[in-house]
Protein backbone atom coordinates (compact mmCIF):
# COMPACT_ATOMS: atom_id res chain seq x y z
CA UNK A 1 0.00 0.00 0.00
CA UNK A 2 1.00 3.58 -0.62
CA UNK A 3 -0.40 6.26 1.68
CA UNK A 4 -1.38 9.37 -0.25
CA UNK A 5 -1.94 12.64 1.62
CA UNK A 6 -3.79 15.59 0.09
CA UNK A 7 -3.56 19.21 1.23
CA UNK A 8 -5.42 22.51 0.66
CA UNK A 9 -7.52 22.68 -2.53
CA UNK A 10 -6.24 19.26 -3.67
CA UNK A 11 -7.93 17.76 -0.59
CA UNK A 12 -11.10 19.75 -1.27
CA UNK A 13 -11.32 18.59 -4.89
CA UNK A 14 -10.64 14.93 -4.11
CA UNK A 15 -12.90 14.95 -1.06
CA UNK A 16 -10.60 13.35 1.51
CA UNK A 17 -7.29 14.08 3.18
CA UNK A 18 -5.72 10.62 2.99
CA UNK A 19 -6.03 7.37 1.04
CA UNK A 20 -4.32 3.99 1.19
CA UNK A 21 -3.76 2.87 -2.38
CA UNK A 22 -2.48 -0.22 -4.18
CA UNK A 23 -1.24 0.81 -7.61
CA UNK A 24 -0.31 -1.89 -10.13
CA UNK A 25 3.24 -3.25 -10.08
CA UNK A 26 4.26 -1.33 -13.22
CA UNK A 27 3.91 1.97 -11.31
CA UNK A 28 7.51 2.70 -10.37
CA UNK A 29 7.87 6.47 -10.22
CA UNK A 30 5.87 9.53 -9.27
CA UNK A 31 4.83 10.33 -12.86
CA UNK A 32 3.39 6.83 -13.33
CA UNK A 33 1.68 7.00 -9.94
CA UNK A 34 -0.01 10.32 -10.75
CA UNK A 35 -1.09 9.03 -14.16
CA UNK A 36 -2.66 5.98 -12.49
CA UNK A 37 -4.18 8.05 -9.67
CA UNK A 38 -5.78 10.56 -12.05
CA UNK A 39 -7.82 7.71 -13.57
CA UNK A 40 -9.25 6.69 -10.18
CA UNK A 41 -12.20 9.11 -10.36
CA UNK A 42 -13.38 12.34 -11.95
CA UNK A 43 -12.43 14.16 -8.74
CA UNK A 44 -8.87 12.81 -8.89
CA UNK A 45 -8.64 13.72 -12.59
CA UNK A 46 -9.78 17.27 -11.83
CA UNK A 47 -7.39 17.75 -8.89
CA UNK A 48 -4.41 16.34 -10.81
CA UNK A 49 -5.22 17.80 -14.24
CA UNK A 50 -2.15 20.06 -14.22
CA UNK A 51 0.62 18.52 -12.12
CA UNK A 52 2.98 21.37 -13.07
CA UNK A 53 1.19 23.59 -10.53
CA UNK A 54 1.50 21.03 -7.72
CA UNK A 55 4.30 20.01 -5.38
CA UNK A 56 5.04 16.49 -4.19
CA UNK A 57 6.88 14.77 -1.39
CA UNK A 58 7.73 11.12 -0.93
CA UNK A 59 8.39 10.13 2.67
CA UNK A 60 8.56 13.84 3.58
CA UNK A 61 11.26 14.69 1.00
CA UNK A 62 10.44 16.86 -2.02
CA UNK A 63 10.03 14.68 -5.10
CA UNK A 64 10.24 15.09 -8.87
CA UNK A 65 8.29 13.24 -11.53
CA UNK A 66 11.05 10.65 -11.96
CA UNK A 67 11.39 9.97 -8.22
CA UNK A 68 10.96 6.25 -7.49
CA UNK A 69 7.93 5.10 -5.56
CA UNK A 70 7.32 1.76 -3.87
CA UNK A 71 4.98 -0.07 -1.54
CA UNK A 72 5.08 1.45 1.94
CA UNK A 73 5.85 4.98 0.76
CA UNK A 74 3.93 8.08 1.82
CA UNK A 75 3.16 10.51 -1.00
CA UNK A 76 2.01 14.05 -0.24
CA UNK A 77 0.36 16.20 -2.91
CA UNK A 78 -0.06 19.91 -2.27
CA UNK A 79 -0.19 23.26 -4.05
CA UNK A 80 2.83 25.56 -3.78
CA UNK A 81 3.10 27.38 -0.49
CA UNK A 82 2.69 31.12 -0.79
CA UNK A 83 3.36 33.77 1.76
CA UNK A 84 2.01 37.13 2.53
C-alpha atoms as a PDB file:
ATOM      1  CA  UNK A   1       0.000   0.000   0.000  1.00  0.00           C
ATOM      2  CA  UNK A   2       0.996   3.582  -0.619  1.00  0.00           C
ATOM      3  CA  UNK A   3      -0.395   6.259   1.676  1.00  0.00           C
ATOM      4  CA  UNK A   4      -1.378   9.367  -0.254  1.00  0.00           C
ATOM      5  CA  UNK A   5      -1.939  12.635   1.625  1.00  0.00           C
ATOM      6  CA  UNK A   6      -3.788  15.591   0.094  1.00  0.00           C
ATOM      7  CA  UNK A   7      -3.563  19.208   1.234  1.00  0.00           C
ATOM      8  CA  UNK A   8      -5.418  22.505   0.665  1.00  0.00           C
ATOM      9  CA  UNK A   9      -7.520  22.679  -2.525  1.00  0.00           C
ATOM     10  CA  UNK A  10      -6.245  19.264  -3.666  1.00  0.00           C
ATOM     11  CA  UNK A  11      -7.928  17.762  -0.588  1.00  0.00           C
ATOM     12  CA  UNK A  12     -11.098  19.747  -1.272  1.00  0.00           C
ATOM     13  CA  UNK A  13     -11.319  18.588  -4.892  1.00  0.00           C
ATOM     14  CA  UNK A  14     -10.644  14.929  -4.112  1.00  0.00           C
ATOM     15  CA  UNK A  15     -12.903  14.946  -1.059  1.00  0.00           C
ATOM     16  CA  UNK A  16     -10.599  13.349   1.505  1.00  0.00           C
ATOM     17  CA  UNK A  17      -7.290  14.081   3.182  1.00  0.00           C
ATOM     18  CA  UNK A  18      -5.720  10.617   2.990  1.00  0.00           C
ATOM     19  CA  UNK A  19      -6.029   7.367   1.036  1.00  0.00           C
ATOM     20  CA  UNK A  20      -4.319   3.993   1.190  1.00  0.00           C
ATOM     21  CA  UNK A  21      -3.757   2.867  -2.383  1.00  0.00           C
ATOM     22  CA  UNK A  22      -2.479  -0.222  -4.179  1.00  0.00           C
ATOM     23  CA  UNK A  23      -1.238   0.812  -7.614  1.00  0.00           C
ATOM     24  CA  UNK A  24      -0.306  -1.893 -10.131  1.00  0.00           C
ATOM     25  CA  UNK A  25       3.242  -3.248 -10.076  1.00  0.00           C
ATOM     26  CA  UNK A  26       4.258  -1.331 -13.219  1.00  0.00           C
ATOM     27  CA  UNK A  27       3.905   1.968 -11.314  1.00  0.00           C
ATOM     28  CA  UNK A  28       7.509   2.696 -10.368  1.00  0.00           C
ATOM     29  CA  UNK A  29       7.869   6.470 -10.215  1.00  0.00           C
ATOM     30  CA  UNK A  30       5.866   9.533  -9.268  1.00  0.00           C
ATOM     31  CA  UNK A  31       4.833  10.328 -12.859  1.00  0.00           C
ATOM     32  CA  UNK A  32       3.394   6.833 -13.333  1.00  0.00           C
ATOM     33  CA  UNK A  33       1.682   7.001  -9.935  1.00  0.00           C
ATOM     34  CA  UNK A  34      -0.011  10.319 -10.752  1.00  0.00           C
ATOM     35  CA  UNK A  35      -1.092   9.028 -14.159  1.00  0.00           C
ATOM     36  CA  UNK A  36      -2.660   5.982 -12.495  1.00  0.00           C
ATOM     37  CA  UNK A  37      -4.181   8.054  -9.671  1.00  0.00           C
ATOM     38  CA  UNK A  38      -5.777  10.559 -12.052  1.00  0.00           C
ATOM     39  CA  UNK A  39      -7.816   7.714 -13.574  1.00  0.00           C
ATOM     40  CA  UNK A  40      -9.246   6.689 -10.179  1.00  0.00           C
ATOM     41  CA  UNK A  41     -12.197   9.110 -10.363  1.00  0.00           C
ATOM     42  CA  UNK A  42     -13.376  12.338 -11.954  1.00  0.00           C
ATOM     43  CA  UNK A  43     -12.433  14.159  -8.739  1.00  0.00           C
ATOM     44  CA  UNK A  44      -8.875  12.813  -8.894  1.00  0.00           C
ATOM     45  CA  UNK A  45      -8.639  13.723 -12.585  1.00  0.00           C
ATOM     46  CA  UNK A  46      -9.775  17.267 -11.827  1.00  0.00           C
ATOM     47  CA  UNK A  47      -7.391  17.752  -8.895  1.00  0.00           C
ATOM     48  CA  UNK A  48      -4.415  16.338 -10.811  1.00  0.00           C
ATOM     49  CA  UNK A  49      -5.223  17.798 -14.238  1.00  0.00           C
ATOM     50  CA  UNK A  50      -2.150  20.056 -14.221  1.00  0.00           C
ATOM     51  CA  UNK A  51       0.624  18.521 -12.115  1.00  0.00           C
ATOM     52  CA  UNK A  52       2.978  21.369 -13.066  1.00  0.00           C
ATOM     53  CA  UNK A  53       1.190  23.587 -10.526  1.00  0.00           C
ATOM     54  CA  UNK A  54       1.495  21.026  -7.717  1.00  0.00           C
ATOM     55  CA  UNK A  55       4.298  20.008  -5.376  1.00  0.00           C
ATOM     56  CA  UNK A  56       5.035  16.494  -4.195  1.00  0.00           C
ATOM     57  CA  UNK A  57       6.876  14.770  -1.387  1.00  0.00           C
ATOM     58  CA  UNK A  58       7.730  11.116  -0.928  1.00  0.00           C
ATOM     59  CA  UNK A  59       8.393  10.131   2.666  1.00  0.00           C
ATOM     60  CA  UNK A  60       8.562  13.843   3.577  1.00  0.00           C
ATOM     61  CA  UNK A  61      11.257  14.689   0.997  1.00  0.00           C
ATOM     62  CA  UNK A  62      10.440  16.857  -2.017  1.00  0.00           C
ATOM     63  CA  UNK A  63      10.034  14.682  -5.098  1.00  0.00           C
ATOM     64  CA  UNK A  64      10.242  15.091  -8.869  1.00  0.00           C
ATOM     65  CA  UNK A  65       8.291  13.236 -11.528  1.00  0.00           C
ATOM     66  CA  UNK A  66      11.047  10.653 -11.958  1.00  0.00           C
ATOM     67  CA  UNK A  67      11.393   9.970  -8.216  1.00  0.00           C
ATOM     68  CA  UNK A  68      10.959   6.252  -7.489  1.00  0.00           C
ATOM     69  CA  UNK A  69       7.931   5.103  -5.557  1.00  0.00           C
ATOM     70  CA  UNK A  70       7.321   1.764  -3.871  1.00  0.00           C
ATOM     71  CA  UNK A  71       4.985  -0.065  -1.541  1.00  0.00           C
ATOM     72  CA  UNK A  72       5.079   1.448   1.942  1.00  0.00           C
ATOM     73  CA  UNK A  73       5.850   4.982   0.758  1.00  0.00           C
ATOM     74  CA  UNK A  74       3.933   8.076   1.821  1.00  0.00           C
ATOM     75  CA  UNK A  75       3.157  10.505  -1.001  1.00  0.00           C
ATOM     76  CA  UNK A  76       2.008  14.052  -0.243  1.00  0.00           C
ATOM     77  CA  UNK A  77       0.355  16.202  -2.907  1.00  0.00           C
ATOM     78  CA  UNK A  78      -0.057  19.908  -2.268  1.00  0.00           C
ATOM     79  CA  UNK A  79      -0.192  23.263  -4.046  1.00  0.00           C
ATOM     80  CA  UNK A  80       2.829  25.556  -3.780  1.00  0.00           C
ATOM     81  CA  UNK A  81       3.105  27.380  -0.489  1.00  0.00           C
ATOM     82  CA  UNK A  82       2.688  31.124  -0.793  1.00  0.00           C
ATOM     83  CA  UNK A  83       3.358  33.773   1.756  1.00  0.00           C
ATOM     84  CA  UNK A  84       2.011  37.132   2.525  1.00  0.00           C
END
